[in-house]
Each structure stands twice: as structure tokens, then as C-alpha cells.
Protein backbone atom coordinates (compact mmCIF):
# COMPACT_ATOMS: atom_id res chain seq x y z
CA MET A 1 -15.55 -10.56 18.30
CA ASN A 2 -16.35 -7.57 16.14
CA ALA A 3 -14.29 -6.98 13.00
CA LYS A 4 -11.88 -4.53 14.61
CA GLN A 5 -11.15 -6.87 17.50
CA ARG A 6 -10.65 -9.73 15.05
CA PHE A 7 -8.21 -7.71 12.95
CA LEU A 8 -6.22 -6.36 15.89
CA THR A 9 -5.93 -9.77 17.55
CA ALA A 10 -4.34 -11.07 14.34
CA LEU A 11 -2.16 -8.00 13.76
CA ASP A 12 -0.82 -7.95 17.31
CA ARG A 13 -0.55 -11.76 17.46
CA SER A 14 -2.12 -11.40 20.92
CA GLY A 15 -4.11 -14.62 20.82
CA LEU A 16 -6.62 -16.43 18.68
CA PRO A 17 -9.46 -14.52 17.03
CA ASP A 18 -12.91 -16.11 17.07
CA ARG A 19 -12.44 -17.04 13.41
CA LEU A 20 -10.18 -16.36 10.46
CA PRO A 21 -10.23 -12.63 9.61
CA VAL A 22 -11.11 -12.22 5.93
CA THR A 23 -11.05 -9.07 3.85
CA THR A 24 -9.70 -7.60 0.63
CA HIS A 25 -7.15 -5.01 -0.43
CA HIS A 26 -8.12 -1.87 -2.37
CA LEU A 27 -11.45 -2.21 -4.16
CA MET A 28 -11.24 -1.04 -7.74
CA ARG A 29 -13.93 1.25 -9.11
CA TYR A 30 -14.07 -0.80 -12.32
CA PHE A 31 -15.02 -3.95 -10.39
CA LEU A 32 -17.68 -2.20 -8.31
CA ASP A 33 -19.22 -0.55 -11.37
CA THR A 34 -19.04 -3.58 -13.65
CA TYR A 35 -20.03 -6.38 -11.29
CA MET A 36 -21.70 -4.76 -8.28
CA GLY A 37 -23.99 -2.14 -9.78
CA GLY A 38 -21.82 0.78 -8.68
CA MET A 39 -22.03 0.13 -4.94
CA ASP A 40 -19.52 1.83 -2.66
CA ASN A 41 -16.83 0.19 -0.56
CA GLU A 42 -18.87 0.00 2.64
CA ALA A 43 -21.82 -1.60 0.86
CA PHE A 44 -19.44 -4.17 -0.66
CA PHE A 45 -18.24 -5.32 2.76
CA ASP A 46 -21.80 -5.49 4.06
CA TYR A 47 -23.03 -7.42 1.02
CA PHE A 48 -20.42 -10.17 1.30
CA GLY A 49 -19.95 -10.18 5.08
CA LEU A 50 -16.23 -9.52 4.82
CA ASP A 51 -14.29 -7.78 7.60
CA PRO A 52 -14.28 -4.11 6.52
CA ILE A 53 -11.31 -1.84 5.87
CA ARG A 54 -11.62 1.94 5.60
CA TRP A 55 -8.75 3.48 3.62
CA ILE A 56 -8.01 7.13 4.41
CA LEU A 57 -4.98 9.43 4.36
CA PRO A 58 -5.93 13.08 4.87
CA TYR A 59 -3.14 15.63 4.68
CA ARG A 60 -2.87 19.08 6.20
CA ALA A 61 -0.83 22.08 5.11
CA ASP A 62 1.31 24.22 7.38
CA GLU A 63 -0.17 27.61 6.55
CA ALA A 64 2.40 29.40 8.74
CA ALA A 65 5.09 28.03 6.40
CA GLY A 66 3.22 29.19 3.30
CA GLU A 67 1.82 25.77 2.43
CA TYR A 68 -1.62 25.09 0.99
CA LEU A 69 -3.56 22.03 -0.15
CA ASP A 70 -3.96 21.37 -3.86
CA PRO A 71 -7.22 23.22 -4.68
CA GLU A 72 -8.15 20.52 -7.22
CA ARG A 73 -8.16 17.68 -4.68
CA GLU A 74 -11.30 15.58 -4.96
CA ASP A 75 -11.54 13.76 -1.61
CA PRO A 76 -10.42 15.46 1.63
CA LEU A 77 -9.80 12.04 3.23
CA GLN A 78 -7.33 10.99 0.53
CA PRO A 79 -3.77 12.19 -0.18
CA CYS A 80 -3.25 15.37 -2.16
CA ALA A 81 -0.32 17.58 -3.09
CA ILE A 82 1.00 20.09 -0.57
CA LEU A 83 1.95 23.25 -2.47
CA THR A 84 3.80 26.52 -1.85
CA ALA A 85 4.72 29.61 -3.84
CA ASN A 86 7.97 27.79 -4.71
CA TRP A 87 6.35 24.41 -5.45
CA ARG A 88 3.36 25.06 -7.68
CA LEU A 89 1.37 22.42 -9.55
CA GLU A 90 0.07 22.92 -13.09
CA ARG A 91 -2.09 20.41 -14.98
CA GLU A 92 -2.48 19.96 -18.72
CA THR A 93 -4.83 17.52 -20.44
CA LEU A 94 -2.99 15.95 -23.37
CA GLN A 95 -5.66 13.42 -24.40
CA GLU A 96 -9.17 12.49 -23.29
CA THR A 97 -9.82 9.25 -25.21
CA PRO A 98 -9.37 6.31 -25.42
CA GLU A 99 -7.22 6.88 -22.32
CA ARG A 100 -6.99 10.12 -20.42
CA VAL A 101 -3.45 11.49 -20.50
CA MET A 102 -2.40 14.27 -18.12
CA ARG A 103 0.83 16.24 -17.73
CA TYR A 104 1.67 17.46 -14.23
CA ARG A 105 4.24 20.23 -13.83
CA PHE A 106 5.84 21.12 -10.52
CA VAL A 107 7.11 24.66 -10.95
CA THR A 108 9.98 25.92 -8.77
CA PRO A 109 12.16 29.07 -8.88
CA ARG A 110 15.01 27.12 -10.48
CA GLY A 111 13.17 24.91 -12.93
CA THR A 112 10.16 22.72 -13.63
CA LEU A 113 9.71 19.00 -13.12
CA SER A 114 7.03 17.24 -15.14
CA MET A 115 5.46 13.81 -15.34
CA VAL A 116 2.78 12.33 -17.60
CA ILE A 117 0.14 9.94 -16.28
CA ALA A 118 -2.31 7.90 -18.37
CA SER A 119 -5.57 6.47 -17.00
CA ASN A 120 -8.32 4.17 -18.23
CA VAL A 121 -11.32 2.50 -16.62
CA TYR A 122 -9.01 0.04 -14.86
CA THR A 123 -6.06 1.99 -13.47
CA SER A 124 -3.38 4.67 -14.00
CA TRP A 125 0.25 4.37 -15.07
CA ILE A 126 3.26 6.60 -15.71
CA ILE A 127 4.33 7.23 -19.29
CA GLU A 128 6.87 9.98 -18.55
CA ARG A 129 8.97 9.90 -15.38
CA LEU A 130 9.46 12.97 -13.21
CA ILE A 131 13.24 12.57 -12.80
CA LYS A 132 14.94 12.92 -16.19
CA GLU A 133 18.30 14.49 -15.36
CA LYS A 134 20.28 13.63 -12.26
CA ARG A 135 20.28 17.24 -11.15
CA ASP A 136 16.46 17.16 -11.01
CA ILE A 137 16.60 15.66 -7.54
CA GLU A 138 18.08 18.95 -6.29
CA LEU A 139 14.70 20.59 -6.93
CA LEU A 140 13.04 17.88 -4.85
CA ALA A 141 15.48 18.46 -2.01
CA ASP A 142 15.10 22.24 -2.06
CA TYR A 143 11.40 22.81 -2.73
CA TRP A 144 9.16 19.76 -2.22
CA PRO A 145 7.23 20.28 1.05
CA ALA A 146 6.74 17.21 3.20
CA PRO A 147 3.14 16.03 3.64
CA LYS A 148 1.75 16.12 7.16
CA CYS A 149 -1.11 14.05 8.54
CA ASP A 150 -4.41 15.70 9.39
CA VAL A 151 -4.73 13.91 12.70
CA GLU A 152 -8.09 15.45 13.56
CA ALA A 153 -9.61 14.23 10.27
CA VAL A 154 -8.24 10.72 10.87
CA ASN A 155 -9.67 10.62 14.36
CA ARG A 156 -13.08 11.91 13.29
CA GLU A 157 -13.29 9.12 10.73
CA ALA A 158 -12.03 6.54 13.24
CA GLU A 159 -14.75 7.66 15.64
CA ARG A 160 -17.39 7.41 12.91
CA TYR A 161 -16.22 3.96 11.83
CA GLY A 162 -16.01 2.68 15.39
CA ASP A 163 -15.62 -1.09 15.72
CA ARG A 164 -16.91 -1.69 12.19
CA GLY A 165 -13.43 -2.50 10.91
CA LEU A 166 -9.86 -1.39 10.31
CA ILE A 167 -8.74 2.20 9.67
CA ARG A 168 -5.89 1.87 7.22
CA GLY A 169 -3.61 4.32 5.40
CA SER A 170 -0.07 4.48 4.06
CA ILE A 171 3.20 6.27 4.59
CA ALA A 172 3.18 9.45 2.51
CA SER A 173 4.60 9.31 -1.01
CA PHE A 174 5.39 11.71 -3.81
CA PRO A 175 2.16 13.46 -4.88
CA ILE A 176 0.14 12.40 -7.92
CA PHE A 177 1.86 9.00 -8.25
CA GLY A 178 3.98 7.29 -5.59
CA GLN A 179 4.06 4.67 -2.87
CA GLY A 180 5.08 4.35 0.75
CA GLY A 181 8.49 2.67 0.56
CA CYS A 182 11.55 4.79 -0.23
CA TRP A 183 12.76 2.42 -2.96
CA GLN A 184 9.27 2.08 -4.42
CA ASP A 185 8.78 5.85 -4.49
CA ALA A 186 12.14 6.27 -6.22
CA ALA A 187 11.16 3.63 -8.78
CA CYS A 188 8.00 5.62 -9.59
CA LEU A 189 10.03 8.80 -10.08
CA VAL A 190 12.93 7.33 -12.05
CA GLY A 191 11.73 4.02 -13.51
CA ILE A 192 12.74 0.68 -12.05
CA GLU A 193 15.13 -0.37 -14.85
CA ARG A 194 17.12 2.85 -14.63
CA LEU A 195 17.08 2.81 -10.84
CA ILE A 196 18.53 -0.70 -10.74
CA MET A 197 21.29 0.23 -13.19
CA GLU A 198 22.15 3.37 -11.23
CA THR A 199 22.77 1.29 -8.10
CA TYR A 200 25.81 0.02 -9.99
CA ASP A 201 26.71 3.05 -12.09
CA ASP A 202 26.08 5.85 -9.57
CA PRO A 203 25.13 4.48 -6.13
CA VAL A 204 25.84 7.82 -4.45
CA TRP A 205 23.14 9.48 -6.57
CA VAL A 206 20.65 6.71 -5.72
CA ARG A 207 21.40 7.07 -2.01
CA THR A 208 20.95 10.84 -2.26
CA LEU A 209 17.53 10.39 -3.87
CA LEU A 210 16.50 7.78 -1.31
CA GLY A 211 17.66 10.09 1.47
CA ILE A 212 15.48 12.92 0.15
CA LEU A 213 12.46 10.64 0.04
CA GLN A 214 13.23 9.23 3.47
CA SER A 215 13.45 12.72 4.99
CA ARG A 216 10.00 13.68 3.67
CA LYS A 217 8.49 10.44 4.90
CA ALA A 218 10.10 10.93 8.31
CA GLU A 219 8.47 14.37 8.57
CA PHE A 220 5.13 12.81 7.73
CA ILE A 221 5.58 10.06 10.31
CA ALA A 222 6.54 12.65 12.93
CA SER A 223 3.12 14.25 12.36
CA LEU A 224 1.25 10.99 13.17
CA GLU A 225 1.28 11.43 16.93
CA GLY A 226 -2.21 10.64 18.19
CA ALA A 227 -3.62 9.57 14.81
CA ARG A 228 -5.99 6.63 15.28
CA PHE A 229 -4.87 4.55 12.35
CA ASP A 230 -4.96 0.81 12.92
CA LEU A 231 -2.44 0.04 10.17
CA LEU A 232 -0.20 2.00 7.79
CA GLU A 233 1.30 0.52 4.65
CA THR A 234 4.79 0.95 3.27
CA GLY A 235 7.00 -0.98 0.85
CA GLY A 236 5.98 -1.81 -2.72
CA GLY A 237 6.32 -4.43 -5.42
CA ASP A 238 9.56 -3.03 -6.81
CA ALA A 239 11.20 -4.19 -3.57
CA SER A 240 10.23 -7.81 -4.28
CA SER A 241 12.59 -10.64 -5.12
CA THR A 242 11.11 -10.95 -8.62
CA VAL A 243 12.39 -7.42 -9.33
CA ILE A 244 15.60 -6.83 -7.35
CA SER A 245 18.43 -8.89 -5.89
CA PRO A 246 19.14 -9.48 -2.20
CA ARG A 247 22.17 -7.21 -2.60
CA ILE A 248 20.04 -4.28 -3.73
CA PHE A 249 17.51 -4.97 -0.97
CA ASP A 250 20.22 -4.98 1.68
CA ARG A 251 21.93 -1.80 0.41
CA PHE A 252 19.10 0.33 -0.93
CA VAL A 253 15.81 -0.82 0.61
CA ALA A 254 16.25 -1.92 4.22
CA PRO A 255 18.58 0.93 5.31
CA TYR A 256 15.94 3.50 4.30
CA ASP A 257 12.66 1.78 5.22
CA ALA A 258 13.70 0.16 8.52
CA PRO A 259 14.33 3.48 10.34
CA LEU A 260 10.94 4.76 9.19
CA ILE A 261 9.22 1.67 10.58
CA ALA A 262 10.97 2.24 13.91
CA LEU A 263 9.91 5.91 13.89
CA ALA A 264 6.30 4.91 13.15
CA HIS A 265 6.37 2.60 16.16
CA GLU A 266 7.60 5.49 18.31
CA LYS A 267 4.50 7.40 17.18
CA GLY A 268 2.22 4.52 18.17
CA GLN A 269 1.52 3.22 14.67
CA ARG A 270 1.43 -0.31 13.26
CA ILE A 271 3.12 -0.95 9.91
CA VAL A 272 2.47 -3.51 7.19
CA TYR A 273 5.20 -4.04 4.58
CA HIS A 274 3.66 -4.58 1.13
CA THR A 275 5.56 -6.74 -1.35
CA CYS A 276 3.36 -7.75 -4.30
CA GLY A 277 5.78 -10.06 -6.04
CA GLY A 278 8.38 -12.60 -5.00
CA MET A 279 8.98 -12.78 -1.24
CA MET A 280 10.53 -16.10 -0.31
CA PRO A 281 14.22 -15.04 -0.55
CA PHE A 282 13.38 -11.85 1.38
CA LEU A 283 11.09 -13.15 4.15
CA GLU A 284 13.57 -12.78 6.98
CA ARG A 285 14.99 -9.57 5.52
CA ILE A 286 11.57 -7.93 5.58
CA ALA A 287 10.77 -9.27 9.05
CA ASP A 288 14.13 -7.95 10.28
CA MET A 289 12.96 -4.40 9.44
CA GLY A 290 10.42 -4.76 12.23
CA PRO A 291 6.98 -4.39 10.61
CA ASP A 292 3.93 -5.61 12.48
CA ALA A 293 2.59 -7.35 9.37
CA MET A 294 3.68 -8.40 5.89
CA GLU A 295 1.68 -8.78 2.65
CA THR A 296 0.79 -9.88 -0.04
CA PHE A 297 2.23 -13.45 -0.12
CA THR A 298 1.47 -13.71 -3.82
CA PRO A 299 1.22 -17.35 -4.97
CA PRO A 300 3.04 -18.76 -8.03
CA GLY A 301 -0.19 -18.81 -10.05
CA MET A 302 -0.15 -15.01 -9.99
CA GLY A 303 3.53 -14.52 -10.74
CA GLY A 304 4.74 -14.63 -7.16
CA ASP A 305 6.63 -17.41 -5.41
CA VAL A 306 5.06 -17.85 -1.99
CA ASP A 307 4.59 -21.16 -0.25
CA LEU A 308 2.23 -20.11 2.55
CA ALA A 309 3.09 -22.99 4.85
CA GLU A 310 6.83 -22.39 4.55
CA ALA A 311 6.37 -18.64 5.01
CA LYS A 312 4.33 -19.30 8.17
CA ARG A 313 7.05 -21.58 9.49
CA ARG A 314 9.82 -19.07 8.80
CA ILE A 315 8.31 -15.74 9.88
CA GLY A 316 4.77 -16.38 11.17
CA HIS A 317 5.99 -16.14 14.78
CA ARG A 318 7.39 -12.66 14.08
CA VAL A 319 4.74 -10.85 12.03
CA CYS A 320 1.11 -11.06 11.06
CA MET A 321 0.69 -12.43 7.54
CA ILE A 322 -1.90 -10.82 5.21
CA GLY A 323 -2.87 -12.17 1.79
CA GLY A 324 -1.97 -15.41 0.09
CA TRP A 325 -5.15 -15.61 -2.01
CA ASP A 326 -4.99 -16.28 -5.77
CA GLN A 327 -7.77 -14.04 -7.09
CA PHE A 328 -6.80 -14.79 -10.72
CA HIS A 329 -7.88 -18.42 -10.42
CA TYR A 330 -10.37 -18.58 -7.53
CA PHE A 331 -12.46 -15.43 -8.03
CA ILE A 332 -13.25 -16.22 -11.66
CA HIS A 333 -13.58 -19.24 -14.00
CA CYS A 334 -13.82 -21.89 -11.29
CA SER A 335 -16.48 -23.61 -9.18
CA GLU A 336 -17.63 -22.58 -5.74
CA GLU A 337 -16.25 -25.86 -4.41
CA GLU A 338 -12.79 -25.04 -5.77
CA THR A 339 -12.93 -21.58 -4.17
CA ARG A 340 -13.96 -23.05 -0.83
CA ALA A 341 -11.22 -25.68 -0.99
CA GLU A 342 -8.61 -22.98 -1.61
CA VAL A 343 -9.83 -21.02 1.43
CA ARG A 344 -9.34 -24.15 3.54
CA ARG A 345 -5.89 -24.72 2.06
CA CYS A 346 -4.80 -21.18 2.98
CA PHE A 347 -6.20 -21.54 6.50
CA GLN A 348 -4.43 -24.85 7.03
CA ALA A 349 -1.16 -23.44 5.67
CA ALA A 350 -1.03 -20.13 7.57
CA GLY A 351 -3.83 -20.00 10.12
CA GLU A 352 -2.34 -22.08 12.92
CA GLY A 353 -1.84 -20.04 16.07
CA GLY A 354 -3.52 -16.95 14.62
CA GLY A 355 -1.60 -14.03 13.14
CA TYR A 356 -3.08 -14.53 9.67
CA ILE A 357 -5.57 -12.41 7.70
CA LEU A 358 -6.92 -14.00 4.53
CA ALA A 359 -7.07 -11.50 1.66
CA PRO A 360 -6.49 -11.35 -2.09
CA SER A 361 -2.90 -10.77 -3.15
CA ASP A 362 -3.50 -7.07 -3.91
CA HIS A 363 -6.51 -5.71 -5.80
CA PHE A 364 -8.56 -7.26 -8.59
CA PHE A 365 -10.60 -5.97 -11.52
CA ASP A 366 -12.69 -8.94 -12.69
CA ALA A 367 -14.35 -11.36 -10.28
CA ASP A 368 -17.50 -13.43 -10.06
CA PRO A 369 -19.60 -12.19 -7.10
CA ARG A 370 -20.79 -15.75 -6.56
CA LEU A 371 -17.20 -16.84 -5.90
CA ILE A 372 -16.47 -13.87 -3.63
CA ALA A 373 -19.53 -14.92 -1.60
CA ALA A 374 -18.15 -18.48 -1.36
CA PHE A 375 -14.74 -17.10 -0.34
CA ALA A 376 -16.26 -14.99 2.43
CA ASP A 377 -18.63 -17.69 3.67
CA GLU A 378 -16.00 -20.42 3.82
CA ALA A 379 -13.56 -18.12 5.62
CA ARG A 380 -16.21 -17.35 8.25
CA ARG A 381 -16.46 -21.10 8.80
CA CYS A 382 -12.73 -21.30 9.60
CA VAL A 383 -13.12 -21.16 13.37
CA TYR A 384 -10.27 -21.51 15.85
CA ALA A 385 -10.87 -24.39 18.25
């Protein structure tokens, strides 16, 4: 099999691939620059012989509706803000070192929303949330234009990539800083602690915010007709069982994400639900939302709770499982033999019958290339009889 066939056989649970599919999640620029001499993503997959993933999510603007793409976007194949005369974006640099700190202002006829993002060589994080007053969500509802997919750009890239690997993207999120799931996007805008408290203090307000986010994501999904993605991600770690209770999941996560998954299926798209945190109490709840795959099956050694074998037993017949790898302990400060043994353990726990893709539990920053090579090589040796 080529890599695409291997991936799709696992994702669709349509049989046994020739061997265990093995890949990684997002590759961090810090890792590539620090440990791999600055190579790009495609060179990384070639170097280690991993099954490649190409991440893209190009947006288009509806010019007839007065929309335009953020003129400061850097990569046309990655998400950017959709702007209008009533939803303008202003940037202000607050600090350059030791971390870069930027203020983003979304200017509307009835007020301005602002957020502050800090970045270093590793990653970015929010230090001032967009939603400060409850009435702020009215500006989102009235002025924020929904992103639309640039289907032609997706298909050009899919044609270029061919059978090399998987074309992967995500459900659209709030620009600058957001994620695919409705609850996760709301957590980015409000802050997870406040959002949890508001589910008790003002659940109507939380549902209104989630409904606004859901409506924009539904418009994006409606634009996916004909887009040759192989897999689109939604969800997020703030919907994990190490962050929220089953009650919150049942009332504020599933009712908003499940309909979007169903809509994506209507548009011919596969969906993976990303939960980088605790999953065991939520396994069936997530599977009940109907995704094609689930990730990241984070093990206890990384702050998660997943028992791969039990997860396989409970939901492996319903979804493809992606992840399960402890990159904190087996990509650094261990022997090659220990890394290889852990690959075999994961394969024995979740590989039976197919429907499993071995991958790190989300991204990583520091890793020993020698151990990544052992990881990839041992996974290629995990052949289905």
C-alpha cells in the first residue's frame, strides 16, 4: 500500500492495512529548527519514513458580500481572518522580546473587541481574552463573517500531493486563535475557568455563545462540498474529562459538535475528534457524536488517563483510533530498545483488526532524532498477518 491507502484503510476501518500506519501530529518549528537543521515538514517525513500528513486550510472571501482576506496573511494555504468594512482587524505590537506580544482589535460599528497573544520560539498563548463583557458576544453575532473553504486551493494541493499521504485540515475557528470544537473555541474566547462557572451561573449566555460559534462553523462546513480533504479535525482539549465533567460534556459539548459532524458527513468529509487530555469517562460519549476517528489517547505518563487496550475494546469497533504514544518518555531520555518496546505495546493494545494509527499524543518540542527513527522503523515492522 502507499501511505494514503494505508491511512484510509485505517480511517474507514475497511480492512487491514499492509502494516501499522505511523505518523505524527503537527510538527513544531522549534523542533525542526533545533534538532533537524531547519528542514521542512515534507523532508521530515521522508527522512524518517513516516506516513506523511499535509496540513492545509485555505479560506476564501465572498467578495460579493464585501468580504476580503486579511492582507497580512502569511500562507495562502493556512487559515486567515475574513474581514469586511464592519469587521476590521488592527494589529499593535506591544513587546518584541523576550516574547512577542501582539494586540488584535476587531473593529465594528458598535464597538471594538480586542485580544492579546504572546509568542515565543515554542508556541503562542492568550494573555487577554476577547470576550470581556457578556454583551461582547452580540458583536460576534452581528458582524463576524463566517469563513468559507477555498475548495479549488484544497483540490490543487490534493492533486499535487497525490498518494503521498493524508490531506488534513480542521473545522474553522475564530481567527487569530481558536480551535474546531464549539466548546473549545468558546474556551479560547472566554477562558476555560470562567466558561465552566458560567455553565452554572448563566447557562443561557453560554448556549447563546456556543450557538453563534456553531452557526459560523456550519457555514464553513456547508462550503466544503467537493473539497478533497481526507480528514478534518474538531474538538479540543478543553472538552476532555480532565477539564470538564460528564454533565458539562452532555449539555454544552455534544449538542453543538454532533450536528456539525453530521453536516460534515453530508458534505462528504471525514471527521476526527481531538481530545488531548482525559478520555476514558467520555469514550462512548465522543463515539456517539459520530466521528470517523478519535485522538489523542493521551497516556497517564503525559497527564492523560488512557488505557489503550480498554479503549480499543470499548470503542475500537466504532471509530479509528489515532495516537496513544507517550512522546515525553519515549522520544527523549530513553534507549532505542525502550522506544521499540513501547511501539510494540501500542500495537498489541490497539492494532488488532486494524483501525489504529500510531502517532504521538499531540505535538512535541524536544525529541531525539535517533528515537524517532527507532519509533518509525519498529512501527513499519508491525505487519498485519
